Structures are given as structure tokens and as C-alpha cells.
Amino acid sequence: MDAEIDRRKSGVYKYRAGGTSEPVSAGDAIRQLVNNLGIAEKLKQQRVLSLWEEIVGKDIASVTRVDGFRGGQLTVSAQNATQSNWLRYQCDTIRQNLNREVGGEVVKIIRLKVDPSIR
């Protein structure tokens, strides 16, 4: 009995999925919680924003800025029309690479703008 009380105090008991008596890993518990709260899609969207430089490379990332992401539309500003034009030709590839990295069809379209103030 004393050992049972000690285990409860030490936090050995794990979150149990779906009310079952079988323990689950912390990772599985977190994934289930994220899905139950409906924030999985928001986390994927945030991941898209953080992956921009990795996907397009440092040179392009230095002359672009991700302005926002809403409803599957990623809005990106480029420093000048030349870079915007280059991105326009690469949009489909960039979109596919972003979606592959986040594991789902999160980015539906990339909208481009020109903003000379990007430095």
C-alpha cells in the first residue's frame, strides 16, 4: 500500500487515452490532446511559417517576407518584381515542399506581392 501511494506522489502514473487502463507514452498523450483541442492544424500552419527559409534558401528568404497565412493562403512579399516573378514560377514547387514537410495539404495557394522596403 505504501508503494502505491509513493508511485502516485512521484507522478509515475501516465495519462490514459480514452479512459482505458493501459498507459500511453507522453508523446501519444500530447498528440491526442492536440487533436482533441483542435489545434493540430494551427500548429501545422505555424510550422509552415518557420520552414520558409529552409524551403526557399537563405538567398531568397533574405529578399522575401512571409506576411501571413490564412485559410490556406500564404501571403509573401518580395523585394522587387524580378524576385516576385521568379517566385511565381516556383510557387507550385515551394507549396508542395512546404506541404510535404508539415505532413498535409496546409498551403493551398501562395499569393505574391512586391514590397521594396524589404531589406
N, C-alpha and C. Protein backbone atom coordinates (compact mmCIF):
# COMPACT_ATOMS: atom_id res chain seq x y z
N MET A 1 0.82 -1.19 0.00
CA MET A 1 0.00 0.00 0.00
C MET A 1 0.86 1.25 0.00
N ASP A 2 1.94 1.26 0.81
CA ASP A 2 2.81 2.42 0.85
C ASP A 2 3.50 2.66 -0.49
N ALA A 3 3.84 1.57 -1.20
CA ALA A 3 4.48 1.71 -2.50
C ALA A 3 3.51 2.34 -3.50
N GLU A 4 2.22 1.99 -3.41
CA GLU A 4 1.20 2.55 -4.31
C GLU A 4 1.08 4.05 -4.08
N ILE A 5 1.07 4.49 -2.85
CA ILE A 5 0.99 5.91 -2.52
C ILE A 5 2.24 6.64 -3.01
N ASP A 6 3.41 6.02 -2.85
CA ASP A 6 4.66 6.63 -3.31
C ASP A 6 4.64 6.84 -4.83
N ARG A 7 4.10 5.85 -5.59
CA ARG A 7 4.05 5.98 -7.04
C ARG A 7 3.13 7.13 -7.45
N ARG A 8 2.02 7.28 -6.77
CA ARG A 8 1.10 8.37 -7.09
C ARG A 8 1.76 9.71 -6.83
N LYS A 9 2.48 9.83 -5.75
CA LYS A 9 3.14 11.09 -5.42
C LYS A 9 4.27 11.40 -6.39
N SER A 10 4.93 10.38 -6.90
CA SER A 10 6.08 10.60 -7.76
C SER A 10 5.70 10.91 -9.21
N GLY A 11 4.43 10.78 -9.55
CA GLY A 11 4.00 11.08 -10.90
C GLY A 11 4.24 9.97 -11.88
N VAL A 12 4.39 8.74 -11.41
CA VAL A 12 4.64 7.61 -12.29
C VAL A 12 3.42 7.32 -13.15
N TYR A 13 2.23 7.61 -12.66
CA TYR A 13 1.02 7.33 -13.42
C TYR A 13 0.98 8.20 -14.67
N LYS A 14 0.70 7.59 -15.78
CA LYS A 14 0.68 8.29 -17.06
C LYS A 14 -0.75 8.61 -17.45
N TYR A 15 -0.89 9.59 -18.34
CA TYR A 15 -2.18 9.92 -18.92
C TYR A 15 -2.71 8.69 -19.64
N ARG A 16 -3.95 8.39 -19.47
CA ARG A 16 -4.53 7.21 -20.10
C ARG A 16 -5.51 7.64 -21.19
N ALA A 17 -5.26 7.16 -22.40
CA ALA A 17 -6.08 7.56 -23.55
C ALA A 17 -7.44 6.89 -23.51
N GLY A 18 -8.46 7.68 -23.77
CA GLY A 18 -9.81 7.13 -23.92
C GLY A 18 -10.34 6.41 -22.71
N GLY A 19 -9.81 6.69 -21.56
CA GLY A 19 -10.32 6.06 -20.36
C GLY A 19 -9.90 4.61 -20.19
N THR A 20 -8.99 4.12 -21.01
CA THR A 20 -8.54 2.75 -20.87
C THR A 20 -7.56 2.66 -19.72
N SER A 21 -7.32 1.45 -19.27
CA SER A 21 -6.40 1.27 -18.15
C SER A 21 -4.97 1.08 -18.63
N GLU A 22 -4.75 1.06 -19.95
CA GLU A 22 -3.40 0.88 -20.47
C GLU A 22 -2.67 2.22 -20.53
N PRO A 23 -1.44 2.27 -20.03
CA PRO A 23 -0.68 3.52 -20.09
C PRO A 23 -0.27 3.84 -21.53
N VAL A 24 -0.13 5.12 -21.82
CA VAL A 24 0.33 5.57 -23.13
C VAL A 24 1.56 6.44 -22.94
N SER A 25 2.34 6.58 -24.00
CA SER A 25 3.54 7.40 -23.91
C SER A 25 3.15 8.87 -23.81
N ALA A 26 4.05 9.68 -23.32
CA ALA A 26 3.80 11.12 -23.21
C ALA A 26 3.55 11.72 -24.59
N GLY A 27 4.30 11.27 -25.59
CA GLY A 27 4.13 11.77 -26.96
C GLY A 27 2.74 11.48 -27.50
N ASP A 28 2.26 10.25 -27.28
CA ASP A 28 0.92 9.89 -27.73
C ASP A 28 -0.14 10.70 -26.99
N ALA A 29 0.07 10.94 -25.72
CA ALA A 29 -0.88 11.73 -24.93
C ALA A 29 -0.95 13.16 -25.44
N ILE A 30 0.21 13.73 -25.77
CA ILE A 30 0.25 15.11 -26.28
C ILE A 30 -0.42 15.18 -27.64
N ARG A 31 -0.13 14.20 -28.53
CA ARG A 31 -0.76 14.18 -29.85
C ARG A 31 -2.29 14.08 -29.73
N GLN A 32 -2.76 13.24 -28.82
CA GLN A 32 -4.19 13.09 -28.63
C GLN A 32 -4.80 14.39 -28.09
N LEU A 33 -4.12 15.04 -27.17
CA LEU A 33 -4.60 16.30 -26.61
C LEU A 33 -4.67 17.38 -27.69
N VAL A 34 -3.62 17.47 -28.51
CA VAL A 34 -3.59 18.46 -29.60
C VAL A 34 -4.75 18.22 -30.56
N ASN A 35 -5.00 16.95 -30.90
CA ASN A 35 -6.10 16.63 -31.80
C ASN A 35 -7.45 16.93 -31.16
N ASN A 36 -7.60 16.58 -29.89
CA ASN A 36 -8.87 16.82 -29.19
C ASN A 36 -9.17 18.30 -29.05
N LEU A 37 -8.15 19.12 -28.88
CA LEU A 37 -8.35 20.56 -28.74
C LEU A 37 -8.51 21.26 -30.08
N GLY A 38 -8.24 20.54 -31.17
CA GLY A 38 -8.41 21.11 -32.50
C GLY A 38 -7.32 22.09 -32.89
N ILE A 39 -6.14 21.96 -32.31
CA ILE A 39 -5.07 22.89 -32.63
C ILE A 39 -4.01 22.29 -33.55
N ALA A 40 -4.22 21.07 -33.99
CA ALA A 40 -3.24 20.41 -34.85
C ALA A 40 -3.02 21.21 -36.14
N GLU A 41 -4.10 21.70 -36.73
CA GLU A 41 -4.00 22.46 -37.97
C GLU A 41 -3.26 23.78 -37.74
N LYS A 42 -3.51 24.44 -36.63
CA LYS A 42 -2.82 25.69 -36.30
C LYS A 42 -1.33 25.45 -36.13
N LEU A 43 -0.97 24.33 -35.53
CA LEU A 43 0.45 24.01 -35.36
C LEU A 43 1.11 23.77 -36.71
N LYS A 44 0.40 23.12 -37.63
CA LYS A 44 0.95 22.91 -38.97
C LYS A 44 1.13 24.25 -39.69
N GLN A 45 0.17 25.16 -39.52
CA GLN A 45 0.29 26.47 -40.15
C GLN A 45 1.49 27.23 -39.60
N GLN A 46 1.70 27.15 -38.31
CA GLN A 46 2.85 27.82 -37.69
C GLN A 46 4.15 27.21 -38.19
N ARG A 47 4.15 25.91 -38.38
CA ARG A 47 5.34 25.22 -38.90
C ARG A 47 5.66 25.70 -40.31
N VAL A 48 4.63 25.93 -41.12
CA VAL A 48 4.85 26.45 -42.49
C VAL A 48 5.62 27.75 -42.42
N LEU A 49 5.23 28.64 -41.53
CA LEU A 49 5.90 29.94 -41.41
C LEU A 49 7.36 29.77 -41.00
N SER A 50 7.62 28.83 -40.11
CA SER A 50 9.00 28.65 -39.65
C SER A 50 9.87 27.91 -40.68
N LEU A 51 9.27 27.24 -41.63
CA LEU A 51 10.02 26.48 -42.65
C LEU A 51 10.39 27.31 -43.87
N TRP A 52 9.88 28.52 -44.00
CA TRP A 52 10.07 29.30 -45.23
C TRP A 52 11.54 29.37 -45.65
N GLU A 53 12.41 29.79 -44.75
CA GLU A 53 13.84 29.94 -45.12
C GLU A 53 14.46 28.61 -45.52
N GLU A 54 14.10 27.56 -44.81
CA GLU A 54 14.65 26.24 -45.12
C GLU A 54 14.22 25.77 -46.51
N ILE A 55 12.99 26.05 -46.88
CA ILE A 55 12.47 25.58 -48.17
C ILE A 55 12.99 26.42 -49.34
N VAL A 56 13.01 27.75 -49.20
CA VAL A 56 13.41 28.60 -50.32
C VAL A 56 14.90 28.91 -50.33
N GLY A 57 15.58 28.71 -49.22
CA GLY A 57 17.00 29.01 -49.13
C GLY A 57 17.25 30.40 -48.57
N LYS A 58 18.46 30.61 -48.07
CA LYS A 58 18.80 31.88 -47.42
C LYS A 58 18.75 33.07 -48.37
N ASP A 59 19.21 32.87 -49.61
CA ASP A 59 19.24 33.99 -50.56
C ASP A 59 17.84 34.53 -50.85
N ILE A 60 16.91 33.64 -51.14
CA ILE A 60 15.54 34.07 -51.42
C ILE A 60 14.86 34.57 -50.15
N ALA A 61 15.10 33.89 -49.05
CA ALA A 61 14.48 34.32 -47.78
C ALA A 61 14.93 35.73 -47.39
N SER A 62 16.14 36.11 -47.78
CA SER A 62 16.65 37.43 -47.41
C SER A 62 15.98 38.56 -48.21
N VAL A 63 15.36 38.22 -49.32
CA VAL A 63 14.69 39.25 -50.14
C VAL A 63 13.17 39.05 -50.17
N THR A 64 12.68 38.20 -49.27
CA THR A 64 11.24 37.98 -49.16
C THR A 64 10.82 38.08 -47.69
N ARG A 65 9.53 38.19 -47.50
CA ARG A 65 8.97 38.22 -46.15
C ARG A 65 7.62 37.51 -46.20
N VAL A 66 7.40 36.58 -45.27
CA VAL A 66 6.10 35.94 -45.16
C VAL A 66 5.22 36.88 -44.35
N ASP A 67 4.16 37.37 -44.99
CA ASP A 67 3.28 38.35 -44.35
C ASP A 67 2.16 37.73 -43.54
N GLY A 68 1.73 36.56 -43.93
CA GLY A 68 0.64 35.94 -43.19
C GLY A 68 0.19 34.64 -43.82
N PHE A 69 -0.68 33.97 -43.07
CA PHE A 69 -1.20 32.69 -43.52
C PHE A 69 -2.62 32.56 -43.00
N ARG A 70 -3.56 32.49 -43.91
CA ARG A 70 -4.96 32.42 -43.50
C ARG A 70 -5.76 31.64 -44.55
N GLY A 71 -6.57 30.71 -44.08
CA GLY A 71 -7.44 29.96 -44.98
C GLY A 71 -6.71 29.23 -46.09
N GLY A 72 -5.53 28.72 -45.80
CA GLY A 72 -4.75 28.00 -46.81
C GLY A 72 -3.98 28.89 -47.76
N GLN A 73 -4.06 30.21 -47.56
CA GLN A 73 -3.34 31.15 -48.44
C GLN A 73 -2.15 31.74 -47.71
N LEU A 74 -0.97 31.48 -48.25
CA LEU A 74 0.27 32.02 -47.71
C LEU A 74 0.60 33.29 -48.50
N THR A 75 0.69 34.41 -47.81
CA THR A 75 1.00 35.68 -48.46
C THR A 75 2.46 36.01 -48.25
N VAL A 76 3.17 36.26 -49.35
CA VAL A 76 4.60 36.51 -49.32
C VAL A 76 4.90 37.79 -50.09
N SER A 77 5.73 38.63 -49.53
CA SER A 77 6.20 39.84 -50.22
C SER A 77 7.64 39.62 -50.68
N ALA A 78 7.93 40.10 -51.89
CA ALA A 78 9.28 40.05 -52.43
C ALA A 78 9.79 41.48 -52.56
N GLN A 79 11.09 41.64 -52.51
CA GLN A 79 11.73 42.95 -52.54
C GLN A 79 11.50 43.69 -53.85
N ASN A 80 11.47 42.95 -54.97
CA ASN A 80 11.25 43.61 -56.26
C ASN A 80 10.51 42.68 -57.21
N ALA A 81 10.15 43.19 -58.36
CA ALA A 81 9.36 42.44 -59.32
C ALA A 81 10.10 41.23 -59.88
N THR A 82 11.41 41.35 -60.01
CA THR A 82 12.20 40.23 -60.53
C THR A 82 12.11 39.03 -59.60
N GLN A 83 12.28 39.27 -58.31
CA GLN A 83 12.19 38.17 -57.35
C GLN A 83 10.76 37.63 -57.27
N SER A 84 9.80 38.52 -57.33
CA SER A 84 8.40 38.10 -57.31
C SER A 84 8.10 37.22 -58.52
N ASN A 85 8.63 37.60 -59.68
CA ASN A 85 8.44 36.81 -60.89
C ASN A 85 9.07 35.43 -60.75
N TRP A 86 10.29 35.38 -60.24
CA TRP A 86 10.96 34.10 -60.04
C TRP A 86 10.13 33.22 -59.11
N LEU A 87 9.63 33.81 -58.01
CA LEU A 87 8.81 33.06 -57.07
C LEU A 87 7.53 32.54 -57.72
N ARG A 88 6.95 33.35 -58.60
CA ARG A 88 5.71 32.94 -59.27
C ARG A 88 5.92 31.63 -60.02
N TYR A 89 7.07 31.49 -60.67
CA TYR A 89 7.37 30.26 -61.39
C TYR A 89 7.68 29.09 -60.47
N GLN A 90 8.11 29.39 -59.26
CA GLN A 90 8.47 28.35 -58.30
C GLN A 90 7.38 28.04 -57.28
N CYS A 91 6.28 28.78 -57.33
CA CYS A 91 5.23 28.66 -56.31
C CYS A 91 4.74 27.24 -56.10
N ASP A 92 4.48 26.53 -57.18
CA ASP A 92 3.93 25.18 -57.04
C ASP A 92 4.92 24.26 -56.34
N THR A 93 6.18 24.35 -56.72
CA THR A 93 7.22 23.52 -56.08
C THR A 93 7.37 23.89 -54.61
N ILE A 94 7.40 25.18 -54.31
CA ILE A 94 7.53 25.64 -52.93
C ILE A 94 6.34 25.16 -52.11
N ARG A 95 5.14 25.30 -52.66
CA ARG A 95 3.92 24.86 -51.97
C ARG A 95 3.97 23.37 -51.67
N GLN A 96 4.36 22.57 -52.65
CA GLN A 96 4.45 21.13 -52.46
C GLN A 96 5.48 20.77 -51.40
N ASN A 97 6.63 21.44 -51.42
CA ASN A 97 7.67 21.17 -50.43
C ASN A 97 7.23 21.54 -49.01
N LEU A 98 6.56 22.67 -48.88
CA LEU A 98 6.04 23.08 -47.57
C LEU A 98 5.03 22.05 -47.06
N ASN A 99 4.10 21.66 -47.91
CA ASN A 99 3.08 20.69 -47.50
C ASN A 99 3.68 19.34 -47.14
N ARG A 100 4.69 18.92 -47.89
CA ARG A 100 5.35 17.65 -47.60
C ARG A 100 6.01 17.70 -46.21
N GLU A 101 6.66 18.82 -45.92
CA GLU A 101 7.35 18.95 -44.63
C GLU A 101 6.39 18.97 -43.44
N VAL A 102 5.21 19.57 -43.60
CA VAL A 102 4.26 19.63 -42.47
C VAL A 102 3.32 18.43 -42.44
N GLY A 103 3.34 17.62 -43.49
CA GLY A 103 2.54 16.40 -43.49
C GLY A 103 1.07 16.60 -43.76
N GLY A 104 0.74 17.45 -44.70
CA GLY A 104 -0.66 17.65 -45.06
C GLY A 104 -0.81 18.78 -46.05
N GLU A 105 -1.99 18.89 -46.63
CA GLU A 105 -2.28 19.92 -47.62
C GLU A 105 -2.70 21.19 -46.90
N VAL A 106 -1.74 21.87 -46.29
CA VAL A 106 -2.00 23.06 -45.48
C VAL A 106 -1.99 24.30 -46.36
N VAL A 107 -0.98 24.42 -47.23
CA VAL A 107 -0.86 25.57 -48.13
C VAL A 107 -1.58 25.25 -49.42
N LYS A 108 -2.62 26.01 -49.71
CA LYS A 108 -3.40 25.80 -50.93
C LYS A 108 -2.90 26.71 -52.05
N ILE A 109 -2.51 27.93 -51.68
CA ILE A 109 -2.07 28.91 -52.67
C ILE A 109 -1.04 29.84 -52.03
N ILE A 110 -0.09 30.30 -52.84
CA ILE A 110 0.87 31.31 -52.38
C ILE A 110 0.57 32.59 -53.14
N ARG A 111 0.26 33.64 -52.42
CA ARG A 111 -0.05 34.94 -53.01
C ARG A 111 1.19 35.83 -52.88
N LEU A 112 1.59 36.43 -53.98
CA LEU A 112 2.82 37.23 -54.01
C LEU A 112 2.52 38.73 -54.12
N LYS A 113 3.34 39.52 -53.44
CA LYS A 113 3.27 40.97 -53.53
C LYS A 113 4.70 41.51 -53.65
N VAL A 114 4.82 42.74 -54.08
CA VAL A 114 6.13 43.40 -54.14
C VAL A 114 6.16 44.48 -53.08
N ASP A 115 7.25 44.47 -52.28
CA ASP A 115 7.43 45.47 -51.22
C ASP A 115 8.89 45.87 -51.19
N PRO A 116 9.24 47.01 -51.80
CA PRO A 116 10.63 47.45 -51.87
C PRO A 116 11.26 47.74 -50.52
N SER A 117 10.46 47.84 -49.47
CA SER A 117 11.03 48.16 -48.15
C SER A 117 11.70 46.95 -47.49
N ILE A 118 11.60 45.78 -48.07
CA ILE A 118 12.25 44.58 -47.50
C ILE A 118 13.75 44.74 -47.63
N ARG A 119 14.45 44.58 -46.56
CA ARG A 119 15.93 44.66 -46.56
C ARG A 119 16.50 43.48 -45.89
